[in-house]
Amino acid sequence: VNGKKEVLSVTIKPEAVDPEDVEMLQDLVVSAV
C-alpha cells in the first residue's frame, strides 16, 4: 500500500491457492492488507 492507504498490489504465491480452503486465502489477504 502507499501512504495514502491505497492498495497498490497483492501478490499470492501458487502454493497459497487451495481450492478446498478458499477461506484461508481470503483471511491471509485481509491480514496482509
Full PDB file with SEQRES, HELIX, SHEET, SSBOND, CRYST1, ORIGX, SCALE, CONECT and MASTER records, all heavy atoms in Angstrom:
SEQRES   1 A   33  VAL ASN GLY LYS LYS GLU VAL LEU SER VAL THR ILE LYS          
SEQRES   2 A   33  PRO GLU ALA VAL ASP PRO GLU ASP VAL GLU MET LEU GLN          
SEQRES   3 A   33  ASP LEU VAL VAL SER ALA VAL                                  
HELIX    1 AA1 PRO A   14  ALA A   16  5                                   3    
HELIX    2 AA2 VAL A   22  ALA A   32  1                                  11    
CRYST1    1.000    1.000    1.000  90.00  90.00  90.00 P 1           1          
ORIGX1      1.000000  0.000000  0.000000        0.00000                         
ORIGX2      0.000000  1.000000  0.000000        0.00000                         
ORIGX3      0.000000  0.000000  1.000000        0.00000                         
SCALE1      1.000000  0.000000  0.000000        0.00000                         
SCALE2      0.000000  1.000000  0.000000        0.00000                         
SCALE3      0.000000  0.000000  1.000000        0.00000                         
ATOM      1  N   VAL A   1       0.853  -1.178   0.000  1.00  0.00           N  
ATOM      2  CA  VAL A   1       0.000   0.000   0.000  1.00  0.00           C  
ATOM      3  C   VAL A   1       0.897   1.238   0.000  1.00  0.00           C  
ATOM      4  O   VAL A   1       2.086   1.149   0.278  1.00  0.00           O  
ATOM      5  CB  VAL A   1      -0.938   0.040   1.238  1.00  0.00           C  
ATOM      6  CG1 VAL A   1      -1.827  -1.186   1.297  1.00  0.00           C  
ATOM      7  CG2 VAL A   1      -0.164   0.198   2.527  1.00  0.00           C  
ATOM      8  N   ASN A   2       0.282   2.391  -0.303  1.00  0.00           N  
ATOM      9  CA  ASN A   2       1.048   3.633  -0.201  1.00  0.00           C  
ATOM     10  C   ASN A   2       0.582   4.401   1.031  1.00  0.00           C  
ATOM     11  O   ASN A   2      -0.328   3.969   1.738  1.00  0.00           O  
ATOM     12  CB  ASN A   2       0.937   4.466  -1.485  1.00  0.00           C  
ATOM     13  CG  ASN A   2      -0.479   4.907  -1.786  1.00  0.00           C  
ATOM     14  OD1 ASN A   2      -1.341   4.936  -0.929  1.00  0.00           O  
ATOM     15  ND2 ASN A   2      -0.723   5.264  -3.038  1.00  0.00           N  
ATOM     16  N   GLY A   3       1.221   5.521   1.280  1.00  0.00           N  
ATOM     17  CA  GLY A   3       0.892   6.328   2.443  1.00  0.00           C  
ATOM     18  C   GLY A   3      -0.488   6.957   2.384  1.00  0.00           C  
ATOM     19  O   GLY A   3      -0.988   7.444   3.389  1.00  0.00           O  
ATOM     20  N   LYS A   4      -1.109   6.927   1.218  1.00  0.00           N  
ATOM     21  CA  LYS A   4      -2.486   7.405   1.086  1.00  0.00           C  
ATOM     22  C   LYS A   4      -3.480   6.319   1.470  1.00  0.00           C  
ATOM     23  O   LYS A   4      -4.679   6.495   1.358  1.00  0.00           O  
ATOM     24  CB  LYS A   4      -2.769   7.842  -0.353  1.00  0.00           C  
ATOM     25  CG  LYS A   4      -1.984   9.032  -0.813  1.00  0.00           C  
ATOM     26  CD  LYS A   4      -2.320   9.341  -2.261  1.00  0.00           C  
ATOM     27  CE  LYS A   4      -1.452  10.443  -2.806  1.00  0.00           C  
ATOM     28  NZ  LYS A   4      -1.759  10.720  -4.217  1.00  0.00           N  
ATOM     29  N   LYS A   5      -2.926   5.161   1.874  1.00  0.00           N  
ATOM     30  CA  LYS A   5      -3.702   3.977   2.247  1.00  0.00           C  
ATOM     31  C   LYS A   5      -4.461   3.404   1.062  1.00  0.00           C  
ATOM     32  O   LYS A   5      -5.582   2.921   1.193  1.00  0.00           O  
ATOM     33  CB  LYS A   5      -4.624   4.273   3.431  1.00  0.00           C  
ATOM     34  CG  LYS A   5      -3.849   4.647   4.686  1.00  0.00           C  
ATOM     35  CD  LYS A   5      -4.746   4.770   5.881  1.00  0.00           C  
ATOM     36  CE  LYS A   5      -3.922   5.058   7.127  1.00  0.00           C  
ATOM     37  NZ  LYS A   5      -4.753   5.157   8.311  1.00  0.00           N  
ATOM     38  N   GLU A   6      -3.827   3.463  -0.092  1.00  0.00           N  
ATOM     39  CA  GLU A   6      -4.366   2.828  -1.302  1.00  0.00           C  
ATOM     40  C   GLU A   6      -3.610   1.526  -1.520  1.00  0.00           C  
ATOM     41  O   GLU A   6      -2.386   1.491  -1.431  1.00  0.00           O  
ATOM     42  CB  GLU A   6      -4.163   3.740  -2.516  1.00  0.00           C  
ATOM     43  CG  GLU A   6      -4.870   5.066  -2.395  1.00  0.00           C  
ATOM     44  CD  GLU A   6      -4.451   6.053  -3.478  1.00  0.00           C  
ATOM     45  OE1 GLU A   6      -3.317   5.976  -3.984  1.00  0.00           O  
ATOM     46  OE2 GLU A   6      -5.277   6.914  -3.807  1.00  0.00           O  
ATOM     47  N   VAL A   7      -4.356   0.458  -1.811  1.00  0.00           N  
ATOM     48  CA  VAL A   7      -3.716  -0.824  -2.087  1.00  0.00           C  
ATOM     49  C   VAL A   7      -3.093  -0.756  -3.468  1.00  0.00           C  
ATOM     50  O   VAL A   7      -3.766  -0.473  -4.460  1.00  0.00           O  
ATOM     51  CB  VAL A   7      -4.734  -1.990  -1.999  1.00  0.00           C  
ATOM     52  CG1 VAL A   7      -4.074  -3.308  -2.348  1.00  0.00           C  
ATOM     53  CG2 VAL A   7      -5.355  -2.053  -0.615  1.00  0.00           C  
ATOM     54  N   LEU A   8      -1.778  -1.009  -3.546  1.00  0.00           N  
ATOM     55  CA  LEU A   8      -1.064  -0.960  -4.819  1.00  0.00           C  
ATOM     56  C   LEU A   8      -0.984  -2.337  -5.472  1.00  0.00           C  
ATOM     57  O   LEU A   8      -1.072  -2.447  -6.689  1.00  0.00           O  
ATOM     58  CB  LEU A   8       0.349  -0.399  -4.612  1.00  0.00           C  
ATOM     59  CG  LEU A   8       0.424   0.998  -4.007  1.00  0.00           C  
ATOM     60  CD1 LEU A   8       1.877   1.378  -3.749  1.00  0.00           C  
ATOM     61  CD2 LEU A   8      -0.250   2.011  -4.920  1.00  0.00           C  
ATOM     62  N   SER A   9      -0.789  -3.366  -4.643  1.00  0.00           N  
ATOM     63  CA  SER A   9      -0.717  -4.716  -5.198  1.00  0.00           C  
ATOM     64  C   SER A   9      -0.930  -5.751  -4.108  1.00  0.00           C  
ATOM     65  O   SER A   9      -0.697  -5.493  -2.926  1.00  0.00           O  
ATOM     66  CB  SER A   9       0.639  -4.960  -5.874  1.00  0.00           C  
ATOM     67  OG  SER A   9       1.675  -4.989  -4.903  1.00  0.00           O  
ATOM     68  N   VAL A  10      -1.386  -6.907  -4.546  1.00  0.00           N  
ATOM     69  CA  VAL A  10      -1.494  -8.090  -3.695  1.00  0.00           C  
ATOM     70  C   VAL A  10      -0.863  -9.221  -4.488  1.00  0.00           C  
ATOM     71  O   VAL A  10      -1.239  -9.470  -5.632  1.00  0.00           O  
ATOM     72  CB  VAL A  10      -2.963  -8.422  -3.354  1.00  0.00           C  
ATOM     73  CG1 VAL A  10      -3.052  -9.731  -2.574  1.00  0.00           C  
ATOM     74  CG2 VAL A  10      -3.600  -7.288  -2.561  1.00  0.00           C  
ATOM     75  N   THR A  11       0.126  -9.886  -3.877  1.00  0.00           N  
ATOM     76  CA  THR A  11       0.823 -10.986  -4.531  1.00  0.00           C  
ATOM     77  C   THR A  11       0.505 -12.273  -3.777  1.00  0.00           C  
ATOM     78  O   THR A  11       0.660 -12.329  -2.553  1.00  0.00           O  
ATOM     79  CB  THR A  11       2.346 -10.749  -4.533  1.00  0.00           C  
ATOM     80  OG1 THR A  11       2.593  -9.481  -5.145  1.00  0.00           O  
ATOM     81  CG2 THR A  11       3.074 -11.841  -5.290  1.00  0.00           C  
ATOM     82  N   ILE A  12       0.066 -13.280  -4.522  1.00  0.00           N  
ATOM     83  CA  ILE A  12      -0.269 -14.575  -3.927  1.00  0.00           C  
ATOM     84  C   ILE A  12       0.561 -15.644  -4.622  1.00  0.00           C  
ATOM     85  O   ILE A  12       0.480 -15.811  -5.843  1.00  0.00           O  
ATOM     86  CB  ILE A  12      -1.771 -14.886  -4.091  1.00  0.00           C  
ATOM     87  CG1 ILE A  12      -2.606 -13.774  -3.436  1.00  0.00           C  
ATOM     88  CG2 ILE A  12      -2.102 -16.253  -3.499  1.00  0.00           C  
ATOM     89  CD1 ILE A  12      -4.087 -13.841  -3.742  1.00  0.00           C  
ATOM     90  N   LYS A  13       1.346 -16.357  -3.847  1.00  0.00           N  
ATOM     91  CA  LYS A  13       2.145 -17.438  -4.415  1.00  0.00           C  
ATOM     92  C   LYS A  13       1.236 -18.639  -4.690  1.00  0.00           C  
ATOM     93  O   LYS A  13       0.269 -18.874  -3.964  1.00  0.00           O  
ATOM     94  CB  LYS A  13       3.280 -17.831  -3.462  1.00  0.00           C  
ATOM     95  CG  LYS A  13       4.334 -16.743  -3.348  1.00  0.00           C  
ATOM     96  CD  LYS A  13       5.521 -17.205  -2.558  1.00  0.00           C  
ATOM     97  CE  LYS A  13       6.583 -16.101  -2.529  1.00  0.00           C  
ATOM     98  NZ  LYS A  13       7.721 -16.479  -1.701  1.00  0.00           N  
ATOM     99  N   PRO A  14       1.540 -19.392  -5.739  1.00  0.00           N  
ATOM    100  CA  PRO A  14       0.679 -20.519  -6.122  1.00  0.00           C  
ATOM    101  C   PRO A  14       0.418 -21.514  -4.993  1.00  0.00           C  
ATOM    102  O   PRO A  14      -0.688 -22.058  -4.894  1.00  0.00           O  
ATOM    103  CB  PRO A  14       1.447 -21.181  -7.266  1.00  0.00           C  
ATOM    104  CG  PRO A  14       2.317 -20.108  -7.809  1.00  0.00           C  
ATOM    105  CD  PRO A  14       2.653 -19.217  -6.660  1.00  0.00           C  
ATOM    106  N   GLU A  15       1.397 -21.734  -4.123  1.00  0.00           N  
ATOM    107  CA  GLU A  15       1.198 -22.706  -3.053  1.00  0.00           C  
ATOM    108  C   GLU A  15       0.159 -22.260  -2.022  1.00  0.00           C  
ATOM    109  O   GLU A  15      -0.299 -23.062  -1.214  1.00  0.00           O  
ATOM    110  CB  GLU A  15       2.519 -23.063  -2.353  1.00  0.00           C  
ATOM    111  CG  GLU A  15       3.249 -21.893  -1.740  1.00  0.00           C  
ATOM    112  CD  GLU A  15       4.310 -21.267  -2.639  1.00  0.00           C  
ATOM    113  OE1 GLU A  15       4.222 -21.377  -3.877  1.00  0.00           O  
ATOM    114  OE2 GLU A  15       5.226 -20.645  -2.094  1.00  0.00           O  
ATOM    115  N   ALA A  16      -0.240 -20.987  -2.066  1.00  0.00           N  
ATOM    116  CA  ALA A  16      -1.266 -20.499  -1.152  1.00  0.00           C  
ATOM    117  C   ALA A  16      -2.667 -20.805  -1.654  1.00  0.00           C  
ATOM    118  O   ALA A  16      -3.634 -20.711  -0.906  1.00  0.00           O  
ATOM    119  CB  ALA A  16      -1.117 -18.998  -0.948  1.00  0.00           C  
ATOM    120  N   VAL A  17      -2.781 -21.186  -2.913  1.00  0.00           N  
ATOM    121  CA  VAL A  17      -4.091 -21.416  -3.517  1.00  0.00           C  
ATOM    122  C   VAL A  17      -4.489 -22.881  -3.340  1.00  0.00           C  
ATOM    123  O   VAL A  17      -3.909 -23.779  -3.938  1.00  0.00           O  
ATOM    124  CB  VAL A  17      -4.081 -21.041  -5.015  1.00  0.00           C  
ATOM    125  CG1 VAL A  17      -5.457 -21.261  -5.624  1.00  0.00           C  
ATOM    126  CG2 VAL A  17      -3.636 -19.597  -5.189  1.00  0.00           C  
ATOM    127  N   ASP A  18      -5.474 -23.069  -2.479  1.00  0.00           N  
ATOM    128  CA  ASP A  18      -6.029 -24.401  -2.243  1.00  0.00           C  
ATOM    129  C   ASP A  18      -7.529 -24.301  -2.503  1.00  0.00           C  
ATOM    130  O   ASP A  18      -8.258 -23.708  -1.706  1.00  0.00           O  
ATOM    131  CB  ASP A  18      -5.751 -24.840  -0.814  1.00  0.00           C  
ATOM    132  CG  ASP A  18      -6.316 -26.213  -0.493  1.00  0.00           C  
ATOM    133  OD1 ASP A  18      -6.925 -26.844  -1.392  1.00  0.00           O  
ATOM    134  OD2 ASP A  18      -6.134 -26.662   0.655  1.00  0.00           O  
ATOM    135  N   PRO A  19      -8.007 -24.882  -3.604  1.00  0.00           N  
ATOM    136  CA  PRO A  19      -9.434 -24.784  -3.922  1.00  0.00           C  
ATOM    137  C   PRO A  19     -10.334 -25.319  -2.810  1.00  0.00           C  
ATOM    138  O   PRO A  19     -11.495 -24.932  -2.702  1.00  0.00           O  
ATOM    139  CB  PRO A  19      -9.596 -25.620  -5.190  1.00  0.00           C  
ATOM    140  CG  PRO A  19      -8.229 -25.793  -5.736  1.00  0.00           C  
ATOM    141  CD  PRO A  19      -7.272 -25.644  -4.597  1.00  0.00           C  
ATOM    142  N   GLU A  20      -9.776 -26.176  -1.975  1.00  0.00           N  
ATOM    143  CA  GLU A  20     -10.550 -26.757  -0.881  1.00  0.00           C  
ATOM    144  C   GLU A  20     -10.643 -25.802   0.320  1.00  0.00           C  
ATOM    145  O   GLU A  20     -11.466 -26.014   1.201  1.00  0.00           O  
ATOM    146  CB  GLU A  20      -9.897 -28.069  -0.414  1.00  0.00           C  
ATOM    147  CG  GLU A  20      -9.747 -29.113  -1.502  1.00  0.00           C  
ATOM    148  CD  GLU A  20     -11.076 -29.713  -1.913  1.00  0.00           C  
ATOM    149  OE1 GLU A  20     -11.915 -29.944  -1.027  1.00  0.00           O  
ATOM    150  OE2 GLU A  20     -11.270 -29.945  -3.124  1.00  0.00           O  
ATOM    151  N   ASP A  21      -9.770 -24.781   0.366  1.00  0.00           N  
ATOM    152  CA  ASP A  21      -9.721 -23.888   1.530  1.00  0.00           C  
ATOM    153  C   ASP A  21      -9.572 -22.431   1.093  1.00  0.00           C  
ATOM    154  O   ASP A  21      -8.584 -21.758   1.406  1.00  0.00           O  
ATOM    155  CB  ASP A  21      -8.564 -24.297   2.457  1.00  0.00           C  
ATOM    156  CG  ASP A  21      -8.678 -23.663   3.827  1.00  0.00           C  
ATOM    157  OD1 ASP A  21      -9.669 -22.951   4.090  1.00  0.00           O  
ATOM    158  OD2 ASP A  21      -7.752 -23.866   4.640  1.00  0.00           O  
ATOM    159  N   VAL A  22     -10.565 -21.931   0.405  1.00  0.00           N  
ATOM    160  CA  VAL A  22     -10.553 -20.557  -0.090  1.00  0.00           C  
ATOM    161  C   VAL A  22     -10.601 -19.561   1.072  1.00  0.00           C  
ATOM    162  O   VAL A  22      -9.987 -18.496   1.014  1.00  0.00           O  
ATOM    163  CB  VAL A  22     -11.723 -20.324  -1.074  1.00  0.00           C  
ATOM    164  CG1 VAL A  22     -11.828 -18.865  -1.484  1.00  0.00           C  
ATOM    165  CG2 VAL A  22     -11.568 -21.211  -2.288  1.00  0.00           C  
ATOM    166  N   GLU A  23     -11.283 -19.924   2.144  1.00  0.00           N  
ATOM    167  CA  GLU A  23     -11.395 -19.024   3.291  1.00  0.00           C  
ATOM    168  C   GLU A  23     -10.036 -18.671   3.871  1.00  0.00           C  
ATOM    169  O   GLU A  23      -9.803 -17.535   4.275  1.00  0.00           O  
ATOM    170  CB  GLU A  23     -12.268 -19.649   4.383  1.00  0.00           C  
ATOM    171  CG  GLU A  23     -13.739 -19.458   4.143  1.00  0.00           C  
ATOM    172  CD  GLU A  23     -14.569 -19.947   5.319  1.00  0.00           C  
ATOM    173  OE1 GLU A  23     -14.137 -19.800   6.477  1.00  0.00           O  
ATOM    174  OE2 GLU A  23     -15.659 -20.464   5.056  1.00  0.00           O  
ATOM    175  N   MET A  24      -9.120 -19.636   3.918  1.00  0.00           N  
ATOM    176  CA  MET A  24      -7.798 -19.364   4.455  1.00  0.00           C  
ATOM    177  C   MET A  24      -7.083 -18.323   3.593  1.00  0.00           C  
ATOM    178  O   MET A  24      -6.469 -17.392   4.106  1.00  0.00           O  
ATOM    179  CB  MET A  24      -6.942 -20.626   4.524  1.00  0.00           C  
ATOM    180  CG  MET A  24      -5.566 -20.365   5.132  1.00  0.00           C  
ATOM    181  SD  MET A  24      -4.421 -21.718   4.959  1.00  0.00           S  
ATOM    182  CE  MET A  24      -4.092 -21.709   3.207  1.00  0.00           C  
ATOM    183  N   LEU A  25      -7.184 -18.454   2.305  1.00  0.00           N  
ATOM    184  CA  LEU A  25      -6.554 -17.493   1.406  1.00  0.00           C  
ATOM    185  C   LEU A  25      -7.166 -16.105   1.587  1.00  0.00           C  
ATOM    186  O   LEU A  25      -6.454 -15.101   1.641  1.00  0.00           O  
ATOM    187  CB  LEU A  25      -6.684 -17.949  -0.055  1.00  0.00           C  
ATOM    188  CG  LEU A  25      -6.087 -17.019  -1.099  1.00  0.00           C  
ATOM    189  CD1 LEU A  25      -4.610 -16.767  -0.827  1.00  0.00           C  
ATOM    190  CD2 LEU A  25      -6.290 -17.610  -2.486  1.00  0.00           C  
ATOM    191  N   GLN A  26      -8.478 -16.049   1.711  1.00  0.00           N  
ATOM    192  CA  GLN A  26      -9.144 -14.760   1.936  1.00  0.00           C  
ATOM    193  C   GLN A  26      -8.661 -14.127   3.236  1.00  0.00           C  
ATOM    194  O   GLN A  26      -8.386 -12.919   3.291  1.00  0.00           O  
ATOM    195  CB  GLN A  26     -10.664 -14.954   1.981  1.00  0.00           C  
ATOM    196  CG  GLN A  26     -11.253 -15.339   0.649  1.00  0.00           C  
ATOM    197  CD  GLN A  26     -12.716 -15.779   0.758  1.00  0.00           C  
ATOM    198  OE1 GLN A  26     -13.173 -16.201   1.820  1.00  0.00           O  
ATOM    199  NE2 GLN A  26     -13.431 -15.695  -0.357  1.00  0.00           N  
ATOM    200  N   ASP A  27      -8.535 -14.920   4.287  1.00  0.00           N  
ATOM    201  CA  ASP A  27      -8.052 -14.411   5.571  1.00  0.00           C  
ATOM    202  C   ASP A  27      -6.623 -13.890   5.461  1.00  0.00           C  
ATOM    203  O   ASP A  27      -6.278 -12.859   6.042  1.00  0.00           O  
ATOM    204  CB  ASP A  27      -8.117 -15.502   6.643  1.00  0.00           C  
ATOM    205  CG  ASP A  27      -9.542 -15.850   7.051  1.00  0.00           C  
ATOM    206  OD1 ASP A  27     -10.461 -15.066   6.733  1.00  0.00           O  
ATOM    207  OD2 ASP A  27      -9.728 -16.916   7.678  1.00  0.00           O  
ATOM    208  N   LEU A  28      -5.792 -14.599   4.709  1.00  0.00           N  
ATOM    209  CA  LEU A  28      -4.405 -14.166   4.527  1.00  0.00           C  
ATOM    210  C   LEU A  28      -4.343 -12.829   3.794  1.00  0.00           C  
ATOM    211  O   LEU A  28      -3.559 -11.944   4.149  1.00  0.00           O  
ATOM    212  CB  LEU A  28      -3.595 -15.223   3.779  1.00  0.00           C  
ATOM    213  CG  LEU A  28      -3.261 -16.500   4.556  1.00  0.00           C  
ATOM    214  CD1 LEU A  28      -2.637 -17.540   3.619  1.00  0.00           C  
ATOM    215  CD2 LEU A  28      -2.346 -16.215   5.725  1.00  0.00           C  
ATOM    216  N   VAL A  29      -5.158 -12.679   2.765  1.00  0.00           N  
ATOM    217  CA  VAL A  29      -5.176 -11.428   2.001  1.00  0.00           C  
ATOM    218  C   VAL A  29      -5.617 -10.272   2.902  1.00  0.00           C  
ATOM    219  O   VAL A  29      -4.981  -9.213   2.941  1.00  0.00           O  
ATOM    220  CB  VAL A  29      -6.076 -11.541   0.753  1.00  0.00           C  
ATOM    221  CG1 VAL A  29      -6.287 -10.179   0.101  1.00  0.00           C  
ATOM    222  CG2 VAL A  29      -5.483 -12.526  -0.245  1.00  0.00           C  
ATOM    223  N   VAL A  30      -6.694 -10.478   3.643  1.00  0.00           N  
ATOM    224  CA  VAL A  30      -7.191  -9.432   4.541  1.00  0.00           C  
ATOM    225  C   VAL A  30      -6.130  -9.076   5.572  1.00  0.00           C  
ATOM    226  O   VAL A  30      -5.867  -7.904   5.852  1.00  0.00           O  
ATOM    227  CB  VAL A  30      -8.509  -9.885   5.226  1.00  0.00           C  
ATOM    228  CG1 VAL A  30      -8.888  -8.946   6.365  1.00  0.00           C  
ATOM    229  CG2 VAL A  30      -9.627  -9.961   4.209  1.00  0.00           C  
ATOM    230  N   SER A  31      -5.483 -10.085   6.131  1.00  0.00           N  
ATOM    231  CA  SER A  31      -4.458  -9.857   7.144  1.00  0.00           C  
ATOM    232  C   SER A  31      -3.276  -9.066   6.583  1.00  0.00           C  
ATOM    233  O   SER A  31      -2.784  -8.127   7.214  1.00  0.00           O  
ATOM    234  CB  SER A  31      -3.984 -11.198   7.697  1.00  0.00           C  
ATOM    235  OG  SER A  31      -3.019 -11.022   8.682  1.00  0.00           O  
ATOM    236  N   ALA A  32      -2.824  -9.422   5.396  1.00  0.00           N  
ATOM    237  CA  ALA A  32      -1.691  -8.719   4.779  1.00  0.00           C  
ATOM    238  C   ALA A  32      -2.047  -7.267   4.477  1.00  0.00           C  
ATOM    239  O   ALA A  32      -1.257  -6.350   4.743  1.00  0.00           O  
ATOM    240  CB  ALA A  32      -1.248  -9.440   3.511  1.00  0.00           C  
ATOM    241  N   VAL A  33      -3.226  -7.038   3.932  1.00  0.00           N  
ATOM    242  CA  VAL A  33      -3.646  -5.668   3.603  1.00  0.00           C  
ATOM    243  C   VAL A  33      -3.783  -4.837   4.879  1.00  0.00           C  
ATOM    244  O   VAL A  33      -3.296  -3.701   4.950  1.00  0.00           O  
ATOM    245  CB  VAL A  33      -4.966  -5.671   2.798  1.00  0.00           C  
ATOM    246  CG1 VAL A  33      -5.547  -4.264   2.677  1.00  0.00           C  
ATOM    247  CG2 VAL A  33      -4.738  -6.269   1.414  1.00  0.00           C  
TER     248      VAL A  33                                                      
MASTER        0    0    0    2    0    0    0    6  247    1    0    3          
END                                                                             
